[in-house]
Protein backbone atom coordinates (compact mmCIF):
# COMPACT_ATOMS: atom_id res chain seq x y z
CA MET A 1 -2.94 9.66 -10.04
CA VAL A 2 -4.20 7.03 -12.45
CA ALA A 3 -6.79 4.40 -11.61
CA ASP A 4 -6.97 1.34 -13.80
CA ASN A 5 -9.72 -1.13 -13.01
CA LYS A 6 -9.10 -4.77 -13.84
CA ARG A 7 -12.79 -5.53 -13.38
CA PRO A 8 -15.28 -2.67 -13.79
CA GLY A 9 -16.71 -1.74 -10.43
CA LEU A 10 -14.57 -4.16 -8.45
CA GLY A 11 -10.97 -3.46 -9.43
CA ILE A 12 -8.72 -1.68 -6.98
CA GLU A 13 -5.60 -0.39 -8.69
CA ARG A 14 -3.79 2.92 -8.33
CA GLU A 15 -0.45 4.18 -9.50
CA ILE A 16 1.65 7.27 -9.08
CA LEU A 17 4.91 8.57 -10.51
CA ILE A 18 7.26 9.52 -7.68
CA GLU A 19 10.32 11.74 -8.11
CA ALA A 20 12.73 9.43 -6.28
CA PRO A 21 14.81 6.30 -6.88
CA ALA A 22 13.11 2.92 -6.38
CA GLU A 23 15.30 2.24 -3.32
CA VAL A 24 13.90 5.31 -1.52
CA VAL A 25 10.31 4.40 -2.41
CA TRP A 26 10.99 0.80 -1.32
CA ARG A 27 12.10 1.92 2.15
CA THR A 28 9.02 4.11 2.45
CA ILE A 29 6.64 1.21 1.75
CA THR A 30 8.46 -1.49 3.74
CA GLU A 31 9.99 0.06 6.86
CA PRO A 32 7.52 0.31 9.76
CA ASP A 33 8.72 3.76 10.88
CA GLN A 34 8.19 5.01 7.33
CA ILE A 35 4.84 3.27 6.82
CA THR A 36 3.46 5.15 9.84
CA GLN A 37 4.22 8.45 8.09
CA TRP A 38 1.76 7.85 5.24
CA PHE A 39 -0.41 4.78 5.94
CA ALA A 40 -1.09 2.99 9.23
CA ASP A 41 -0.48 4.69 12.57
CA ARG A 42 0.73 1.45 14.20
CA VAL A 43 2.91 -1.03 12.30
CA ASP A 44 4.49 -4.18 13.65
CA LEU A 45 6.00 -5.85 10.61
CA VAL A 46 9.02 -7.86 9.56
CA VAL A 47 9.45 -7.76 5.80
CA GLU A 48 10.02 -11.46 5.14
CA PRO A 49 7.74 -13.85 3.24
CA GLY A 50 5.43 -15.61 5.69
CA ALA A 51 6.04 -13.12 8.51
CA HIS A 52 3.01 -12.23 10.63
CA GLY A 53 2.51 -8.62 11.66
CA TYR A 54 -0.08 -5.99 12.53
CA MET A 55 -1.25 -2.70 11.05
CA GLY A 56 -3.42 -0.39 13.12
CA PHE A 57 -5.55 2.50 11.90
CA GLY A 58 -6.82 4.33 14.94
CA ASP A 59 -9.36 2.02 16.57
CA GLN A 60 -9.29 -0.31 13.55
CA GLY A 61 -6.64 -2.63 12.25
CA GLY A 62 -5.63 -6.22 12.27
CA PRO A 63 -3.12 -8.87 11.40
CA VAL A 64 -1.20 -8.99 8.15
CA VAL A 65 0.92 -11.73 6.62
CA VAL A 66 3.73 -10.87 4.22
CA GLU A 67 3.45 -12.71 0.91
CA ALA A 68 6.24 -11.49 -1.39
CA VAL A 69 9.42 -9.50 -0.86
CA GLU A 70 11.51 -8.71 -3.96
CA PRO A 71 13.57 -5.58 -3.17
CA PRO A 72 13.21 -3.01 -4.61
CA ARG A 73 10.55 -4.17 -7.08
CA ARG A 74 7.65 -5.97 -5.37
CA PHE A 75 6.14 -6.20 -1.89
CA SER A 76 2.81 -7.79 -0.97
CA PHE A 77 0.82 -8.80 2.07
CA ARG A 78 -2.56 -10.30 2.94
CA TRP A 79 -4.99 -8.68 5.36
CA ASN A 80 -8.67 -8.43 6.30
CA HIS A 81 -9.04 -12.14 6.99
CA PRO A 82 -11.03 -13.85 9.76
CA ARG A 83 -9.14 -13.63 13.06
CA ASP A 84 -8.99 -17.37 13.69
CA GLU A 85 -7.86 -18.32 10.19
CA GLU A 86 -4.64 -18.10 8.22
CA PRO A 87 -5.09 -15.77 5.25
CA VAL A 88 -5.49 -17.59 1.96
CA VAL A 89 -7.08 -16.89 -1.40
CA GLY A 90 -10.81 -16.60 -0.73
CA ASN A 91 -10.74 -15.36 2.89
CA SER A 92 -8.43 -12.32 2.68
CA MET A 93 -7.33 -9.40 0.56
CA LEU A 94 -3.96 -9.25 -1.19
CA VAL A 95 -2.24 -5.86 -1.35
CA GLU A 96 0.62 -5.71 -3.82
CA PHE A 97 3.05 -2.86 -4.46
CA THR A 98 5.04 -2.89 -7.70
CA LEU A 99 7.88 -0.42 -8.27
CA THR A 100 9.17 0.36 -11.77
CA PRO A 101 12.10 2.71 -12.43
CA GLU A 102 11.00 5.37 -14.95
CA GLY A 103 14.29 7.04 -15.85
CA LEU A 104 15.21 10.63 -15.10
CA GLY A 105 12.78 13.43 -14.41
CA PRO A 106 13.03 17.03 -15.66
CA ASP A 107 15.34 17.90 -12.75
CA GLY A 108 17.66 14.98 -13.60
CA GLY A 109 16.61 12.90 -10.61
CA GLU A 110 15.46 9.29 -10.76
CA ARG A 111 11.73 8.55 -10.90
CA THR A 112 9.74 5.50 -9.84
CA ARG A 113 6.27 4.40 -10.86
CA LEU A 114 4.51 2.84 -7.88
CA ARG A 115 1.43 0.73 -8.48
CA VAL A 116 -0.74 -0.69 -5.72
CA THR A 117 -3.41 -3.29 -6.32
CA GLU A 118 -5.77 -4.83 -3.82
CA SER A 119 -7.67 -7.98 -4.68
CA GLY A 120 -9.55 -10.78 -3.00
CA HIS A 121 -12.75 -8.93 -2.11
CA GLU A 122 -14.23 -10.09 -5.42
CA LEU A 123 -13.78 -13.71 -4.23
CA ARG A 124 -15.42 -13.23 -0.85
CA ASP A 125 -18.84 -14.68 -0.09
CA TRP A 126 -20.36 -11.19 0.10
CA PRO A 127 -23.34 -9.64 -1.66
CA GLU A 128 -22.33 -7.85 -4.87
CA ALA A 129 -23.21 -4.47 -3.33
CA GLU A 130 -20.78 -5.11 -0.44
CA LYS A 131 -17.99 -6.02 -2.89
CA ARG A 132 -18.61 -2.78 -4.81
CA ARG A 133 -18.67 -0.71 -1.60
CA TYR A 134 -15.35 -2.22 -0.50
CA ALA A 135 -13.80 -1.61 -3.94
CA ASP A 136 -15.04 2.00 -4.12
CA GLU A 137 -13.88 2.86 -0.60
CA HIS A 138 -10.46 1.27 -1.00
CA LEU A 139 -9.90 2.68 -4.49
CA HIS A 140 -10.48 6.15 -3.04
CA GLY A 141 -8.43 5.40 0.08
CA TRP A 142 -5.40 4.14 -1.86
CA GLY A 143 -5.48 7.33 -3.93
CA GLU A 144 -5.22 9.40 -0.75
CA PHE A 145 -2.49 7.20 0.71
CA LEU A 146 -0.35 7.28 -2.43
CA ASP A 147 -0.60 11.06 -2.49
CA ARG A 148 0.55 11.12 1.15
CA LEU A 149 3.38 8.70 0.35
CA ALA A 150 4.56 10.95 -2.49
CA GLY A 151 4.56 13.88 -0.04
CA VAL A 152 6.65 11.94 2.48
CA VAL A 153 9.17 10.97 -0.20
CA ALA A 154 9.31 14.55 -1.56
CA GLN A 155 9.99 15.88 1.94
CA TYR A 156 12.76 13.34 2.38
CA GLN A 157 14.23 14.04 -1.06
CA SER A 158 14.26 17.80 -0.39
CA GLY A 159 16.72 17.22 2.46
CA MET A 160 14.33 17.73 5.36
CA GLY A 161 15.62 14.60 7.08
CA GLN A 162 13.41 11.67 7.98
CA PRO A 163 10.17 11.64 6.01
CA GLY A 164 7.12 12.60 8.01
CA ILE A 165 3.89 14.47 7.60
CA GLY A 166 2.69 14.31 11.17
CA GLN A 167 -0.69 12.70 10.52
CA PRO A 168 -1.62 9.26 11.74
CA GLY A 169 -2.78 6.83 9.09
CA ARG A 170 -6.15 5.24 8.58
CA GLN A 171 -7.30 2.25 6.64
CA PRO A 172 -8.19 2.86 2.97
CA GLY A 173 -11.80 3.87 2.55
């Protein structure tokens, strides 16, 4: 796992190299029944720009709005915005997944680099300490979730059928 910070102390960026084609990774990050295997335990989502959905993490969770859908390269959504407002720059966080094919691995199978970034917290009207706490918690949380995602994909790739690790998700951090 590699963490690259765009802004020291506030950047949230993680990436992982997954031993699977981009199309498999894409399905794992965009299909609700797959998302529940590594991330949120409740997902109501249509993967279309502008679509409103929900991601639940135990007793936490909230609405999400899909921003970008470019199969199988880029998927993003906004979340953590005030309940009575539409998410926009300044009142929400943007989560963006970028998939990059990385050629063949040692076993001859396709590999995909998956990068996730989360931004927007640095623009919120929060004390600096709260921005840092959010960044630290979510940087750590995304590391855990990407590791789980890689495990789901590996299980699927090994021929064990539908991916699944049997643990409900929770929000990063």
